[in-house]
Amino acid sequence: MEIFIQQLINGITLGSIYGLIAIGYTMVFGIIGMVNFSHGDVFMVSAFIALIFFLVLTTWLGIASVALALFLVMIIAMVLTGLLSWTIERVAYRPLRGSFRLAPLISAIGMSIVLSNFIQVAQGPRNKPTPPMVRDVIVLMDSNGYAVTLSYKQIIIMATTAVLLAVFWYVVQKTPLGRAQRACEQDRKMAALLGVNVDRTISLTFVMGAALAAVAGTMYLMYYGVVNFSDGFVPGVKAFTAAVLGGIGSLPGAVLGGLLIGLIETFWSGYFSIDYKDVAAFSILAIVLIFMPQGILGRPEVEKV
């Protein structure tokens, strides 16, 4: 029982990170129908931004409060990563929006390679560690020599995911920007005829997704304490899998899919072989999509005639 509870906590924590990244995938796909395969590397770049500015704030500027440094790092990472994503959308995606469907996809893969190789050259191929940010843990139970713990950093990750999901759901459902996004999702041409600035709406959607990826990058760095230039690929693919599993186009579905992927990985690692945890996650995805092609919370696509 103790192992089950511990793995449940670990799975929710990991799934929260996946869910934050998955929201970026689902928002972009919902509006322009494009899978932004560079989003995982945007997440990786945000983790490096967080690492650099955390060291600057704590080492050079002498900020002693880890909480304050983490908050400032997260804000800086959100701003810079949002600016990066806005630039990528303007340079790599917008000129190809009227082209054949594979052109933006090829461009996204190219941007992924560019970002990964740029960080490899700029920061080197080795792992970049950071000093432990949050060390304290809460012992929930101690039985038979096995302690079930909940660390403060796990609490921060889960609470941050819940708050940001609520904030972004409110933005999408209750604000003029959200109405413009939903209008573009339904019919971009009609939305433009009704006065919606489609280009600005799409750009802001990329910025919002990147800001969430920056939060995920900061949380990832705080949780694992190390980052590598190749860390964009696997979390990015798993986050995209989470978006598809939960129902791509649905914000709660993206977080739900992330939680499911995180739970599948951790429980499989705890009770079976860790070598096959990715196989288990993708197998569950395949099984779910066979019976629910639109995902768990996704809406069936209605063909326009």
Protein backbone atom coordinates (compact mmCIF):
# COMPACT_ATOMS: atom_id res chain seq x y z
CA MET A 1 0.00 0.00 0.00
CA GLU A 2 2.85 2.37 0.82
CA ILE A 3 4.42 1.82 -2.59
CA PHE A 4 1.06 2.45 -4.27
CA ILE A 5 0.57 5.79 -2.50
CA GLN A 6 4.13 6.91 -3.20
CA GLN A 7 3.85 6.03 -6.88
CA LEU A 8 0.50 7.81 -7.03
CA ILE A 9 2.10 10.99 -5.75
CA ASN A 10 5.04 10.65 -8.13
CA GLY A 11 2.72 9.95 -11.06
CA ILE A 12 0.54 12.99 -10.42
CA THR A 13 3.64 15.16 -10.18
CA LEU A 14 5.12 13.89 -13.44
CA GLY A 15 1.72 14.03 -15.13
CA SER A 16 1.29 17.66 -14.08
CA ILE A 17 4.45 18.58 -15.99
CA TYR A 18 3.26 16.66 -19.05
CA GLY A 19 -0.13 18.34 -18.78
CA LEU A 20 1.35 21.85 -18.83
CA ILE A 21 3.27 21.04 -22.00
CA ALA A 22 0.26 19.29 -23.56
CA ILE A 23 -1.90 22.40 -23.25
CA GLY A 24 0.38 24.15 -25.75
CA TYR A 25 -0.09 21.33 -28.26
CA THR A 26 -3.85 21.24 -27.84
CA MET A 27 -4.34 25.02 -28.10
CA VAL A 28 -2.37 25.35 -31.34
CA PHE A 29 -3.95 22.27 -32.91
CA GLY A 30 -7.42 23.43 -31.91
CA ILE A 31 -7.08 26.73 -33.79
CA ILE A 32 -4.99 26.00 -36.87
CA GLY A 33 -5.03 22.19 -36.98
CA MET A 34 -1.23 21.96 -36.87
CA VAL A 35 0.90 19.76 -34.65
CA ASN A 36 3.64 22.08 -33.39
CA PHE A 37 6.45 19.56 -33.08
CA SER A 38 8.88 22.27 -31.99
CA HIS A 39 6.88 22.80 -28.79
CA GLY A 40 8.88 20.17 -26.91
CA ASP A 41 12.11 21.97 -27.73
CA VAL A 42 10.57 25.29 -26.71
CA PHE A 43 9.98 23.61 -23.34
CA MET A 44 13.64 22.52 -23.28
CA VAL A 45 14.84 26.05 -24.09
CA SER A 46 12.68 27.42 -21.27
CA ALA A 47 14.35 25.01 -18.83
CA PHE A 48 17.77 26.36 -19.86
CA ILE A 49 16.50 29.93 -19.49
CA ALA A 50 15.28 29.04 -16.00
CA LEU A 51 18.64 27.47 -15.14
CA ILE A 52 20.66 30.47 -16.34
CA PHE A 53 18.55 33.08 -14.58
CA PHE A 54 18.29 31.05 -11.37
CA LEU A 55 22.09 30.96 -11.18
CA VAL A 56 22.29 34.66 -12.04
CA LEU A 57 19.78 35.64 -9.35
CA THR A 58 21.18 33.41 -6.60
CA THR A 59 24.92 33.57 -7.37
CA TRP A 60 25.56 36.97 -8.92
CA LEU A 61 22.75 39.07 -7.44
CA GLY A 62 22.79 37.25 -4.11
CA ILE A 63 19.05 36.63 -3.70
CA ALA A 64 18.83 34.35 -0.67
CA SER A 65 15.13 33.53 -0.88
CA VAL A 66 14.66 30.48 -3.10
CA ALA A 67 10.92 31.15 -3.35
CA LEU A 68 11.50 34.68 -4.64
CA ALA A 69 14.19 33.50 -7.04
CA LEU A 70 11.92 30.74 -8.41
CA PHE A 71 9.05 33.18 -8.89
CA LEU A 72 11.25 35.68 -10.74
CA VAL A 73 12.80 32.91 -12.83
CA MET A 74 9.36 31.62 -13.82
CA ILE A 75 8.19 35.11 -14.88
CA ILE A 76 11.37 35.73 -16.89
CA ALA A 77 11.15 32.30 -18.54
CA MET A 78 7.49 32.89 -19.48
CA VAL A 79 8.28 36.25 -21.08
CA LEU A 80 11.37 35.11 -23.00
CA THR A 81 9.84 31.80 -24.09
CA GLY A 82 6.67 33.56 -25.19
CA LEU A 83 8.77 35.95 -27.26
CA LEU A 84 10.63 33.00 -28.78
CA SER A 85 7.39 31.24 -29.71
CA TRP A 86 5.94 34.46 -31.16
CA THR A 87 9.04 34.78 -33.35
CA ILE A 88 8.83 31.16 -34.47
CA GLU A 89 5.18 31.60 -35.45
CA ARG A 90 5.92 34.76 -37.43
CA VAL A 91 8.99 33.38 -39.20
CA ALA A 92 8.37 29.65 -39.65
CA TYR A 93 4.61 29.09 -39.62
CA ARG A 94 2.66 32.15 -40.76
CA PRO A 95 4.20 32.33 -44.27
CA LEU A 96 3.20 28.68 -44.81
CA ARG A 97 -0.35 28.92 -43.45
CA GLY A 98 -1.92 28.92 -46.92
CA SER A 99 0.39 26.23 -48.28
CA PHE A 100 -0.24 22.48 -48.46
CA ARG A 101 -0.85 20.78 -45.12
CA LEU A 102 2.56 19.13 -44.77
CA ALA A 103 4.51 22.38 -45.17
CA PRO A 104 3.92 23.73 -41.61
CA LEU A 105 4.62 20.26 -40.20
CA ILE A 106 7.96 20.06 -42.00
CA SER A 107 8.76 23.59 -40.83
CA ALA A 108 7.92 22.63 -37.23
CA ILE A 109 10.28 19.64 -37.38
CA GLY A 110 12.96 21.92 -38.81
CA MET A 111 12.49 24.42 -35.97
CA SER A 112 12.77 21.56 -33.48
CA ILE A 113 16.13 20.56 -34.96
CA VAL A 114 17.30 24.20 -35.00
CA LEU A 115 16.45 24.77 -31.34
CA SER A 116 17.98 21.48 -30.20
CA ASN A 117 21.22 22.01 -32.09
CA PHE A 118 21.48 25.65 -31.04
CA ILE A 119 21.30 24.70 -27.36
CA GLN A 120 23.76 21.85 -27.93
CA VAL A 121 26.28 24.27 -29.45
CA ALA A 122 25.61 27.13 -27.02
CA GLN A 123 25.46 25.11 -23.78
CA GLY A 124 27.30 21.91 -24.66
CA PRO A 125 26.10 18.31 -24.84
CA ARG A 126 26.57 17.47 -21.16
CA ASN A 127 23.93 17.57 -18.44
CA LYS A 128 23.61 20.95 -16.73
CA PRO A 129 22.90 20.54 -13.01
CA THR A 130 21.54 23.13 -10.65
CA PRO A 131 21.86 23.38 -6.86
CA PRO A 132 18.90 21.81 -5.00
CA MET A 133 16.11 24.39 -4.91
CA VAL A 134 13.55 22.85 -2.54
CA ARG A 135 14.65 20.04 -0.22
CA ASP A 136 12.00 19.76 2.51
CA VAL A 137 9.61 16.79 2.53
CA ILE A 138 6.53 15.79 4.52
CA VAL A 139 6.43 12.22 5.79
CA LEU A 140 2.84 11.03 5.31
CA MET A 141 3.31 7.56 6.78
CA ASP A 142 6.13 5.29 7.88
CA SER A 143 5.33 1.60 7.95
CA ASN A 144 7.54 -1.47 7.73
CA GLY A 145 10.61 0.68 7.20
CA TYR A 146 9.14 2.38 4.09
CA ALA A 147 8.32 6.07 4.37
CA VAL A 148 5.75 7.66 2.10
CA THR A 149 6.83 11.25 1.48
CA LEU A 150 5.39 14.30 -0.21
CA SER A 151 8.02 16.88 -1.04
CA TYR A 152 7.39 20.60 -1.14
CA LYS A 153 8.46 20.72 -4.78
CA GLN A 154 5.78 18.14 -5.63
CA ILE A 155 3.19 20.29 -3.88
CA ILE A 156 4.38 23.33 -5.83
CA ILE A 157 4.15 21.48 -9.16
CA MET A 158 0.65 20.09 -8.55
CA ALA A 159 -0.71 23.37 -7.18
CA THR A 160 0.81 25.39 -10.03
CA THR A 161 -0.75 23.07 -12.63
CA ALA A 162 -4.18 23.29 -11.00
CA VAL A 163 -4.07 27.09 -10.76
CA LEU A 164 -2.84 27.60 -14.32
CA LEU A 165 -5.44 25.21 -15.73
CA ALA A 166 -8.17 27.19 -13.98
CA VAL A 167 -6.74 30.52 -15.19
CA PHE A 168 -6.35 29.44 -18.80
CA TRP A 169 -9.79 27.78 -18.85
CA TYR A 170 -11.27 31.09 -17.66
CA VAL A 171 -9.33 33.00 -20.34
CA VAL A 172 -10.54 30.69 -23.11
CA GLN A 173 -14.16 30.51 -21.94
CA LYS A 174 -14.86 33.96 -20.49
CA THR A 175 -12.67 36.61 -22.14
CA PRO A 176 -12.73 38.35 -25.55
CA LEU A 177 -9.44 36.64 -26.46
CA GLY A 178 -10.95 33.27 -25.64
CA ARG A 179 -14.02 34.03 -27.77
CA ALA A 180 -11.73 34.99 -30.64
CA GLN A 181 -9.79 31.74 -30.21
CA ARG A 182 -12.96 29.66 -30.23
CA ALA A 183 -14.23 31.53 -33.28
CA CYS A 184 -10.97 30.85 -35.14
CA GLU A 185 -11.19 27.20 -34.10
CA GLN A 186 -14.65 26.88 -35.66
CA ASP A 187 -14.06 28.85 -38.87
CA ARG A 188 -11.11 31.19 -39.43
CA LYS A 189 -12.50 32.78 -42.57
CA MET A 190 -15.85 33.59 -40.99
CA ALA A 191 -14.09 34.88 -37.86
CA ALA A 192 -12.03 37.23 -40.03
CA LEU A 193 -15.17 38.45 -41.79
CA LEU A 194 -16.70 39.24 -38.40
CA GLY A 195 -13.73 41.39 -37.39
CA VAL A 196 -11.53 38.96 -35.50
CA ASN A 197 -7.82 39.59 -36.03
CA VAL A 198 -6.93 36.01 -36.89
CA ASP A 199 -3.16 36.53 -37.15
CA ARG A 200 -2.97 38.23 -33.75
CA THR A 201 -5.18 35.57 -32.17
CA ILE A 202 -2.99 32.76 -33.48
CA SER A 203 0.19 34.56 -32.36
CA LEU A 204 -1.23 35.04 -28.86
CA THR A 205 -2.19 31.37 -28.75
CA PHE A 206 1.41 30.41 -29.50
CA VAL A 207 2.59 32.81 -26.77
CA MET A 208 0.15 31.36 -24.23
CA GLY A 209 1.22 27.80 -25.01
CA ALA A 210 4.88 28.77 -24.73
CA ALA A 211 4.27 30.50 -21.40
CA LEU A 212 2.83 27.28 -20.01
CA ALA A 213 5.78 25.35 -21.44
CA ALA A 214 8.06 27.81 -19.61
CA VAL A 215 6.30 27.06 -16.33
CA ALA A 216 6.70 23.35 -17.08
CA GLY A 217 10.39 23.89 -17.85
CA THR A 218 10.91 25.69 -14.54
CA MET A 219 9.05 22.96 -12.65
CA TYR A 220 11.04 20.26 -14.50
CA LEU A 221 14.32 21.92 -13.53
CA MET A 222 13.21 22.27 -9.91
CA TYR A 223 12.04 18.63 -9.75
CA TYR A 224 14.96 16.88 -11.43
CA GLY A 225 17.74 19.42 -10.86
CA VAL A 226 19.33 18.78 -14.24
CA VAL A 227 18.61 19.60 -17.89
CA ASN A 228 20.08 18.50 -21.20
CA PHE A 229 19.74 19.75 -24.78
CA SER A 230 17.95 16.49 -25.71
CA ASP A 231 15.28 16.87 -23.01
CA GLY A 232 12.82 18.42 -25.43
CA PHE A 233 12.15 15.33 -27.52
CA VAL A 234 10.87 12.67 -25.10
CA PRO A 235 8.78 14.97 -22.85
CA GLY A 236 7.47 16.68 -25.98
CA VAL A 237 6.35 13.40 -27.55
CA LYS A 238 4.78 12.26 -24.29
CA ALA A 239 2.99 15.60 -23.87
CA PHE A 240 1.64 15.33 -27.41
CA THR A 241 0.53 11.78 -26.57
CA ALA A 242 -1.19 13.16 -23.48
CA ALA A 243 -2.99 15.79 -25.57
CA VAL A 244 -4.24 13.11 -27.98
CA LEU A 245 -5.21 10.76 -25.16
CA GLY A 246 -7.18 13.42 -23.28
CA GLY A 247 -8.80 14.77 -26.45
CA ILE A 248 -6.78 17.24 -28.48
CA GLY A 249 -8.50 20.61 -28.45
CA SER A 250 -9.63 20.27 -24.81
CA LEU A 251 -7.67 22.03 -22.04
CA PRO A 252 -8.93 19.76 -19.22
CA GLY A 253 -8.35 16.81 -21.55
CA ALA A 254 -4.71 17.79 -22.03
CA VAL A 255 -4.10 17.85 -18.27
CA LEU A 256 -6.08 14.64 -17.77
CA GLY A 257 -4.04 12.94 -20.49
CA GLY A 258 -0.82 14.18 -18.88
CA LEU A 259 -1.87 12.80 -15.51
CA LEU A 260 -2.74 9.44 -17.07
CA ILE A 261 0.58 9.19 -18.90
CA GLY A 262 2.46 10.12 -15.72
CA LEU A 263 0.53 7.57 -13.65
CA ILE A 264 1.00 4.79 -16.20
CA GLU A 265 4.77 5.44 -16.30
CA THR A 266 5.27 5.54 -12.56
CA PHE A 267 3.05 2.56 -11.69
CA TRP A 268 4.60 0.45 -14.44
CA SER A 269 8.08 1.43 -13.21
CA GLY A 270 7.12 0.61 -9.62
CA TYR A 271 5.50 -2.78 -10.22
CA PHE A 272 7.05 -4.01 -13.45
CA SER A 273 10.15 -3.22 -15.51
CA ILE A 274 11.17 0.42 -15.88
CA ASP A 275 12.59 -0.42 -19.32
CA TYR A 276 9.07 -0.84 -20.73
CA LYS A 277 7.32 2.14 -19.14
CA ASP A 278 7.16 4.03 -22.45
CA VAL A 279 5.81 0.94 -24.22
CA ALA A 280 3.05 0.71 -21.60
CA ALA A 281 2.10 4.38 -21.99
CA PHE A 282 1.87 4.24 -25.78
CA SER A 283 0.04 0.91 -25.68
CA ILE A 284 -2.65 2.40 -23.44
CA LEU A 285 -2.92 5.31 -25.88
CA ALA A 286 -3.45 2.91 -28.80
CA ILE A 287 -6.11 0.95 -26.90
CA VAL A 288 -8.02 4.09 -25.88
CA LEU A 289 -7.97 5.52 -29.40
CA ILE A 290 -9.31 2.29 -30.86
CA PHE A 291 -12.50 2.65 -28.81
CA MET A 292 -12.50 6.48 -28.45
CA PRO A 293 -10.83 8.02 -31.52
CA GLN A 294 -11.53 11.56 -30.31
CA GLY A 295 -9.81 10.94 -26.96
CA ILE A 296 -11.32 10.88 -23.49
CA LEU A 297 -12.71 14.45 -23.38
CA GLY A 298 -12.44 15.34 -27.06
CA ARG A 299 -15.40 16.17 -29.25
CA PRO A 300 -16.09 14.17 -32.43
CA GLU A 301 -15.01 16.18 -35.45
CA VAL A 302 -17.93 17.41 -37.53
CA GLU A 303 -17.20 17.67 -41.23
CA LYS A 304 -18.20 21.02 -42.69
CA VAL A 305 -20.15 20.86 -45.95
